[in-house]
Amino acid sequence: MLGSVDTKRGPVESISAITLLTADMGEAVAFYQTLGFELSYGGEEAQFTSFRVGPGHLNLQLDTIGSPPRAVWGRVVLWVDDVDAMYARALAAGFDPQTSPADALWGERYFHIHDPDGHELSFARPLAS
């Protein structure tokens, strides 16, 4: 449960960055910027782009292996101040989230949306205890 935090630290302190492959950097950058991600490096024409996410980064790397792009899947869980506001932002941009905001048994309010390459993003916030 999210309510019980283990204060013991292991040898791995935190995640500095997550890197996702993209088949179309321009489309992917536009998607993330529309959702409010802050561009740190790169951009629509770059081979590699980085967005600031709290103290870390979400990176995009252009898939240069060829066509069709590699089949990849993953889920990145991103905590936001207001899940419902982020959901409204996604809808206003014309995006089609896979789920509506809901309170989960594990103690988070969340919704899921896929980026243009099919990576699943979960925007979440711990429920008040």
N, C-alpha and C. Protein backbone atom coordinates (compact mmCIF):
# COMPACT_ATOMS: atom_id res chain seq x y z
N MET A 1 0.83 -1.19 0.00
CA MET A 1 0.00 0.00 0.00
C MET A 1 0.88 1.25 0.00
N LEU A 2 0.37 2.28 -0.63
CA LEU A 2 1.12 3.53 -0.67
C LEU A 2 1.17 4.22 0.67
N GLY A 3 0.21 3.95 1.54
CA GLY A 3 0.17 4.61 2.83
C GLY A 3 1.31 4.23 3.75
N SER A 4 1.87 3.04 3.56
CA SER A 4 2.97 2.60 4.42
C SER A 4 4.27 2.70 3.64
N VAL A 5 5.07 3.69 3.98
CA VAL A 5 6.32 3.95 3.28
C VAL A 5 7.46 3.31 4.06
N ASP A 6 8.27 2.52 3.37
CA ASP A 6 9.44 1.91 3.98
C ASP A 6 10.56 2.93 3.98
N THR A 7 11.06 3.30 5.15
CA THR A 7 12.10 4.32 5.24
C THR A 7 13.50 3.75 5.03
N LYS A 8 13.64 2.43 4.97
CA LYS A 8 14.94 1.84 4.67
C LYS A 8 15.27 2.08 3.21
N ARG A 9 16.50 2.44 2.97
CA ARG A 9 16.92 2.69 1.60
C ARG A 9 17.82 1.56 1.13
N GLY A 10 17.56 1.13 -0.09
CA GLY A 10 18.41 0.13 -0.71
C GLY A 10 19.52 0.82 -1.48
N PRO A 11 20.28 0.06 -2.24
CA PRO A 11 21.39 0.64 -2.98
C PRO A 11 20.95 1.53 -4.15
N VAL A 12 19.71 1.38 -4.61
CA VAL A 12 19.21 2.22 -5.69
C VAL A 12 18.39 3.34 -5.07
N GLU A 13 18.79 4.59 -5.28
CA GLU A 13 18.17 5.73 -4.63
C GLU A 13 16.94 6.25 -5.34
N SER A 14 16.99 6.38 -6.66
CA SER A 14 15.87 6.96 -7.39
C SER A 14 16.05 6.69 -8.88
N ILE A 15 15.04 7.04 -9.64
CA ILE A 15 15.13 6.96 -11.10
C ILE A 15 15.48 8.36 -11.61
N SER A 16 16.55 8.45 -12.36
CA SER A 16 16.96 9.71 -12.94
C SER A 16 16.15 10.01 -14.20
N ALA A 17 15.91 8.95 -15.00
CA ALA A 17 15.20 9.15 -16.26
C ALA A 17 14.61 7.84 -16.76
N ILE A 18 13.56 7.98 -17.54
CA ILE A 18 12.94 6.89 -18.28
C ILE A 18 13.07 7.29 -19.75
N THR A 19 13.49 6.39 -20.62
CA THR A 19 13.60 6.69 -22.04
C THR A 19 12.67 5.78 -22.82
N LEU A 20 11.83 6.38 -23.66
CA LEU A 20 10.87 5.66 -24.48
C LEU A 20 11.23 5.86 -25.95
N LEU A 21 11.08 4.80 -26.75
CA LEU A 21 11.29 4.92 -28.19
C LEU A 21 10.09 5.58 -28.84
N THR A 22 10.35 6.34 -29.90
CA THR A 22 9.27 6.93 -30.67
C THR A 22 9.55 6.77 -32.16
N ALA A 23 8.50 6.54 -32.93
CA ALA A 23 8.62 6.45 -34.37
C ALA A 23 8.52 7.82 -35.03
N ASP A 24 7.92 8.79 -34.33
CA ASP A 24 7.71 10.13 -34.88
C ASP A 24 7.97 11.15 -33.77
N MET A 25 9.17 11.71 -33.77
CA MET A 25 9.56 12.63 -32.70
C MET A 25 8.65 13.85 -32.66
N GLY A 26 8.30 14.40 -33.81
CA GLY A 26 7.45 15.59 -33.84
C GLY A 26 6.11 15.35 -33.19
N GLU A 27 5.46 14.24 -33.52
CA GLU A 27 4.16 13.91 -32.94
C GLU A 27 4.28 13.66 -31.44
N ALA A 28 5.32 12.94 -31.04
CA ALA A 28 5.51 12.62 -29.62
C ALA A 28 5.80 13.89 -28.80
N VAL A 29 6.65 14.76 -29.30
CA VAL A 29 6.97 16.00 -28.59
C VAL A 29 5.72 16.85 -28.44
N ALA A 30 4.93 16.97 -29.50
CA ALA A 30 3.70 17.75 -29.43
C ALA A 30 2.75 17.18 -28.38
N PHE A 31 2.62 15.85 -28.32
CA PHE A 31 1.76 15.19 -27.34
C PHE A 31 2.17 15.55 -25.92
N TYR A 32 3.46 15.36 -25.61
CA TYR A 32 3.93 15.61 -24.25
C TYR A 32 3.86 17.10 -23.88
N GLN A 33 4.18 17.97 -24.82
CA GLN A 33 4.10 19.40 -24.51
C GLN A 33 2.65 19.83 -24.30
N THR A 34 1.73 19.26 -25.05
CA THR A 34 0.31 19.59 -24.87
C THR A 34 -0.17 19.20 -23.48
N LEU A 35 0.38 18.11 -22.93
CA LEU A 35 0.01 17.69 -21.58
C LEU A 35 0.75 18.49 -20.51
N GLY A 36 1.64 19.40 -20.91
CA GLY A 36 2.30 20.28 -19.95
C GLY A 36 3.71 19.88 -19.56
N PHE A 37 4.30 18.90 -20.24
CA PHE A 37 5.68 18.52 -19.93
C PHE A 37 6.63 19.62 -20.36
N GLU A 38 7.64 19.91 -19.52
CA GLU A 38 8.61 20.98 -19.77
C GLU A 38 9.80 20.43 -20.56
N LEU A 39 10.02 20.96 -21.76
CA LEU A 39 11.12 20.54 -22.62
C LEU A 39 12.45 21.00 -22.04
N SER A 40 13.39 20.07 -21.87
CA SER A 40 14.72 20.40 -21.37
C SER A 40 15.77 20.39 -22.47
N TYR A 41 15.57 19.49 -23.46
CA TYR A 41 16.60 19.29 -24.48
C TYR A 41 15.92 18.66 -25.70
N GLY A 42 16.42 19.00 -26.88
CA GLY A 42 15.91 18.38 -28.10
C GLY A 42 14.70 19.12 -28.64
N GLY A 43 13.77 18.35 -29.20
CA GLY A 43 12.58 18.95 -29.79
C GLY A 43 12.08 18.11 -30.94
N GLU A 44 11.19 18.68 -31.73
CA GLU A 44 10.50 17.95 -32.78
C GLU A 44 11.41 17.38 -33.85
N GLU A 45 12.55 18.02 -34.10
CA GLU A 45 13.46 17.56 -35.16
C GLU A 45 14.64 16.75 -34.61
N ALA A 46 14.71 16.56 -33.31
CA ALA A 46 15.86 15.91 -32.67
C ALA A 46 15.76 14.38 -32.73
N GLN A 47 16.89 13.74 -32.55
CA GLN A 47 16.95 12.28 -32.42
C GLN A 47 16.67 11.86 -30.98
N PHE A 48 16.90 12.81 -30.04
CA PHE A 48 16.74 12.54 -28.62
C PHE A 48 16.16 13.79 -27.96
N THR A 49 15.12 13.62 -27.17
CA THR A 49 14.46 14.73 -26.51
C THR A 49 14.26 14.39 -25.04
N SER A 50 14.37 15.39 -24.19
CA SER A 50 14.24 15.19 -22.76
C SER A 50 13.27 16.21 -22.17
N PHE A 51 12.35 15.71 -21.32
CA PHE A 51 11.42 16.57 -20.60
C PHE A 51 11.71 16.46 -19.11
N ARG A 52 11.67 17.59 -18.40
CA ARG A 52 11.85 17.58 -16.95
C ARG A 52 10.58 17.07 -16.31
N VAL A 53 10.74 16.13 -15.38
CA VAL A 53 9.64 15.57 -14.60
C VAL A 53 10.10 15.55 -13.15
N GLY A 54 9.69 16.55 -12.37
CA GLY A 54 10.19 16.65 -11.00
C GLY A 54 11.71 16.73 -11.04
N PRO A 55 12.39 15.94 -10.21
CA PRO A 55 13.85 15.96 -10.22
C PRO A 55 14.45 15.09 -11.33
N GLY A 56 13.63 14.37 -12.07
CA GLY A 56 14.12 13.47 -13.12
C GLY A 56 13.67 13.91 -14.50
N HIS A 57 13.76 12.95 -15.44
CA HIS A 57 13.44 13.24 -16.83
C HIS A 57 12.67 12.08 -17.47
N LEU A 58 11.83 12.45 -18.42
CA LEU A 58 11.24 11.49 -19.34
C LEU A 58 11.85 11.81 -20.69
N ASN A 59 12.54 10.83 -21.27
CA ASN A 59 13.25 11.02 -22.53
C ASN A 59 12.54 10.29 -23.66
N LEU A 60 12.69 10.83 -24.86
CA LEU A 60 12.22 10.18 -26.07
C LEU A 60 13.41 9.98 -26.98
N GLN A 61 13.53 8.79 -27.54
CA GLN A 61 14.61 8.50 -28.47
C GLN A 61 13.98 8.04 -29.78
N LEU A 62 14.39 8.64 -30.89
CA LEU A 62 13.87 8.28 -32.19
C LEU A 62 14.30 6.86 -32.54
N ASP A 63 13.34 6.03 -32.91
CA ASP A 63 13.62 4.65 -33.31
C ASP A 63 14.14 4.67 -34.74
N THR A 64 15.44 4.42 -34.90
CA THR A 64 16.06 4.47 -36.22
C THR A 64 16.30 3.08 -36.81
N ILE A 65 15.75 2.04 -36.18
CA ILE A 65 15.93 0.66 -36.66
C ILE A 65 15.26 0.47 -38.01
N GLY A 66 14.18 1.14 -38.25
CA GLY A 66 13.51 1.02 -39.53
C GLY A 66 12.02 0.84 -39.38
N SER A 67 11.41 0.49 -40.47
CA SER A 67 9.97 0.37 -40.50
C SER A 67 9.59 -1.10 -40.63
N PRO A 68 8.60 -1.57 -39.92
CA PRO A 68 7.86 -0.83 -38.92
C PRO A 68 8.68 -0.65 -37.65
N PRO A 69 8.29 0.31 -36.81
CA PRO A 69 9.02 0.50 -35.56
C PRO A 69 8.92 -0.74 -34.67
N ARG A 70 9.89 -0.90 -33.79
CA ARG A 70 9.85 -2.02 -32.86
C ARG A 70 8.58 -2.00 -32.04
N ALA A 71 8.03 -3.17 -31.79
CA ALA A 71 6.86 -3.26 -30.91
C ALA A 71 7.35 -3.15 -29.47
N VAL A 72 6.93 -2.11 -28.79
CA VAL A 72 7.33 -1.89 -27.41
C VAL A 72 6.10 -1.56 -26.58
N TRP A 73 6.18 -1.82 -25.31
CA TRP A 73 5.12 -1.43 -24.40
C TRP A 73 5.72 -1.22 -23.04
N GLY A 74 5.19 -0.30 -22.35
CA GLY A 74 5.60 -0.06 -20.98
C GLY A 74 4.60 0.87 -20.35
N ARG A 75 4.69 1.04 -19.06
CA ARG A 75 3.82 1.99 -18.35
C ARG A 75 4.70 2.87 -17.49
N VAL A 76 4.49 4.15 -17.58
CA VAL A 76 5.16 5.11 -16.72
C VAL A 76 4.08 5.71 -15.84
N VAL A 77 4.27 5.66 -14.53
CA VAL A 77 3.33 6.25 -13.59
C VAL A 77 3.88 7.61 -13.18
N LEU A 78 3.09 8.64 -13.43
CA LEU A 78 3.49 10.01 -13.15
C LEU A 78 2.53 10.61 -12.13
N TRP A 79 3.05 11.09 -11.02
CA TRP A 79 2.20 11.72 -10.03
C TRP A 79 1.97 13.17 -10.43
N VAL A 80 0.72 13.60 -10.34
CA VAL A 80 0.34 14.97 -10.67
C VAL A 80 -0.42 15.57 -9.49
N ASP A 81 -0.52 16.89 -9.47
CA ASP A 81 -1.25 17.56 -8.39
C ASP A 81 -2.74 17.24 -8.42
N ASP A 82 -3.30 17.14 -9.63
CA ASP A 82 -4.74 16.97 -9.77
C ASP A 82 -5.03 16.04 -10.95
N VAL A 83 -5.40 14.82 -10.66
CA VAL A 83 -5.66 13.80 -11.69
C VAL A 83 -6.80 14.24 -12.60
N ASP A 84 -7.87 14.75 -12.01
CA ASP A 84 -9.03 15.14 -12.80
C ASP A 84 -8.72 16.32 -13.72
N ALA A 85 -7.90 17.25 -13.27
CA ALA A 85 -7.50 18.38 -14.11
C ALA A 85 -6.65 17.90 -15.28
N MET A 86 -5.75 16.93 -15.05
CA MET A 86 -4.93 16.39 -16.13
C MET A 86 -5.80 15.64 -17.13
N TYR A 87 -6.79 14.92 -16.63
CA TYR A 87 -7.72 14.21 -17.51
C TYR A 87 -8.48 15.22 -18.38
N ALA A 88 -8.95 16.31 -17.77
CA ALA A 88 -9.66 17.34 -18.53
C ALA A 88 -8.75 17.97 -19.57
N ARG A 89 -7.48 18.16 -19.23
CA ARG A 89 -6.52 18.72 -20.18
C ARG A 89 -6.34 17.79 -21.38
N ALA A 90 -6.24 16.49 -21.11
CA ALA A 90 -6.09 15.50 -22.19
C ALA A 90 -7.32 15.52 -23.10
N LEU A 91 -8.51 15.55 -22.51
CA LEU A 91 -9.75 15.59 -23.31
C LEU A 91 -9.84 16.86 -24.14
N ALA A 92 -9.49 18.00 -23.53
CA ALA A 92 -9.54 19.28 -24.23
C ALA A 92 -8.59 19.31 -25.43
N ALA A 93 -7.50 18.55 -25.35
CA ALA A 93 -6.52 18.48 -26.44
C ALA A 93 -6.97 17.51 -27.53
N GLY A 94 -8.09 16.81 -27.30
CA GLY A 94 -8.58 15.86 -28.29
C GLY A 94 -8.00 14.46 -28.13
N PHE A 95 -7.29 14.21 -27.03
CA PHE A 95 -6.73 12.89 -26.79
C PHE A 95 -7.82 11.96 -26.25
N ASP A 96 -7.59 10.66 -26.36
CA ASP A 96 -8.58 9.66 -25.98
C ASP A 96 -8.03 8.75 -24.89
N PRO A 97 -8.12 9.17 -23.62
CA PRO A 97 -7.62 8.32 -22.53
C PRO A 97 -8.31 6.95 -22.53
N GLN A 98 -7.57 5.92 -22.12
CA GLN A 98 -8.10 4.56 -22.08
C GLN A 98 -9.03 4.35 -20.89
N THR A 99 -8.85 5.13 -19.84
CA THR A 99 -9.71 5.02 -18.65
C THR A 99 -10.07 6.42 -18.18
N SER A 100 -11.12 6.50 -17.41
CA SER A 100 -11.51 7.73 -16.73
C SER A 100 -10.88 7.73 -15.35
N PRO A 101 -10.73 8.89 -14.71
CA PRO A 101 -10.18 8.91 -13.36
C PRO A 101 -11.00 8.01 -12.42
N ALA A 102 -10.28 7.24 -11.61
CA ALA A 102 -10.91 6.32 -10.67
C ALA A 102 -10.02 6.18 -9.45
N ASP A 103 -10.64 5.85 -8.32
CA ASP A 103 -9.91 5.56 -7.09
C ASP A 103 -9.61 4.07 -7.05
N ALA A 104 -8.33 3.74 -6.92
CA ALA A 104 -7.90 2.34 -6.96
C ALA A 104 -7.78 1.76 -5.55
N LEU A 105 -7.92 0.45 -5.47
CA LEU A 105 -7.80 -0.24 -4.19
C LEU A 105 -6.42 -0.06 -3.56
N TRP A 106 -5.40 0.15 -4.39
CA TRP A 106 -4.03 0.28 -3.86
C TRP A 106 -3.74 1.70 -3.36
N GLY A 107 -4.72 2.61 -3.38
CA GLY A 107 -4.55 3.90 -2.73
C GLY A 107 -4.17 5.06 -3.62
N GLU A 108 -4.49 4.98 -4.90
CA GLU A 108 -4.22 6.09 -5.81
C GLU A 108 -5.49 6.43 -6.59
N ARG A 109 -5.61 7.69 -6.98
CA ARG A 109 -6.57 8.09 -8.00
C ARG A 109 -5.74 8.18 -9.28
N TYR A 110 -6.26 7.66 -10.39
CA TYR A 110 -5.44 7.55 -11.60
C TYR A 110 -6.32 7.50 -12.85
N PHE A 111 -5.68 7.70 -13.99
CA PHE A 111 -6.24 7.33 -15.30
C PHE A 111 -5.09 6.99 -16.22
N HIS A 112 -5.39 6.22 -17.27
CA HIS A 112 -4.38 5.80 -18.24
C HIS A 112 -4.65 6.44 -19.59
N ILE A 113 -3.55 6.78 -20.28
CA ILE A 113 -3.62 7.28 -21.65
C ILE A 113 -2.40 6.75 -22.39
N HIS A 114 -2.53 6.47 -23.68
CA HIS A 114 -1.39 6.04 -24.48
C HIS A 114 -0.82 7.23 -25.23
N ASP A 115 0.52 7.28 -25.32
CA ASP A 115 1.14 8.31 -26.14
C ASP A 115 1.05 7.86 -27.60
N PRO A 116 1.50 8.67 -28.55
CA PRO A 116 1.36 8.29 -29.96
C PRO A 116 2.05 6.98 -30.34
N ASP A 117 3.02 6.52 -29.55
CA ASP A 117 3.72 5.27 -29.86
C ASP A 117 3.16 4.08 -29.09
N GLY A 118 2.11 4.30 -28.31
CA GLY A 118 1.48 3.20 -27.59
C GLY A 118 1.98 2.99 -26.18
N HIS A 119 2.93 3.81 -25.72
CA HIS A 119 3.39 3.71 -24.33
C HIS A 119 2.26 4.17 -23.42
N GLU A 120 2.01 3.43 -22.37
CA GLU A 120 0.93 3.77 -21.46
C GLU A 120 1.44 4.69 -20.36
N LEU A 121 0.75 5.82 -20.20
CA LEU A 121 1.05 6.75 -19.12
C LEU A 121 -0.08 6.65 -18.12
N SER A 122 0.28 6.54 -16.86
CA SER A 122 -0.70 6.54 -15.78
C SER A 122 -0.48 7.81 -14.99
N PHE A 123 -1.44 8.73 -15.04
CA PHE A 123 -1.37 9.94 -14.24
C PHE A 123 -2.08 9.64 -12.93
N ALA A 124 -1.39 9.82 -11.82
CA ALA A 124 -1.92 9.36 -10.54
C ALA A 124 -1.59 10.33 -9.42
N ARG A 125 -2.29 10.10 -8.31
CA ARG A 125 -2.06 10.86 -7.08
C ARG A 125 -2.48 9.98 -5.91
N PRO A 126 -1.67 9.89 -4.86
CA PRO A 126 -2.09 9.11 -3.71
C PRO A 126 -3.38 9.66 -3.11
N LEU A 127 -4.25 8.77 -2.70
CA LEU A 127 -5.48 9.17 -2.02
C LEU A 127 -5.14 9.63 -0.61
N ALA A 128 -5.88 10.59 -0.12
CA ALA A 128 -5.67 11.05 1.26
C ALA A 128 -5.97 9.91 2.22
N SER A 129 -5.15 9.74 3.23
CA SER A 129 -5.34 8.65 4.18
C SER A 129 -6.34 9.03 5.25
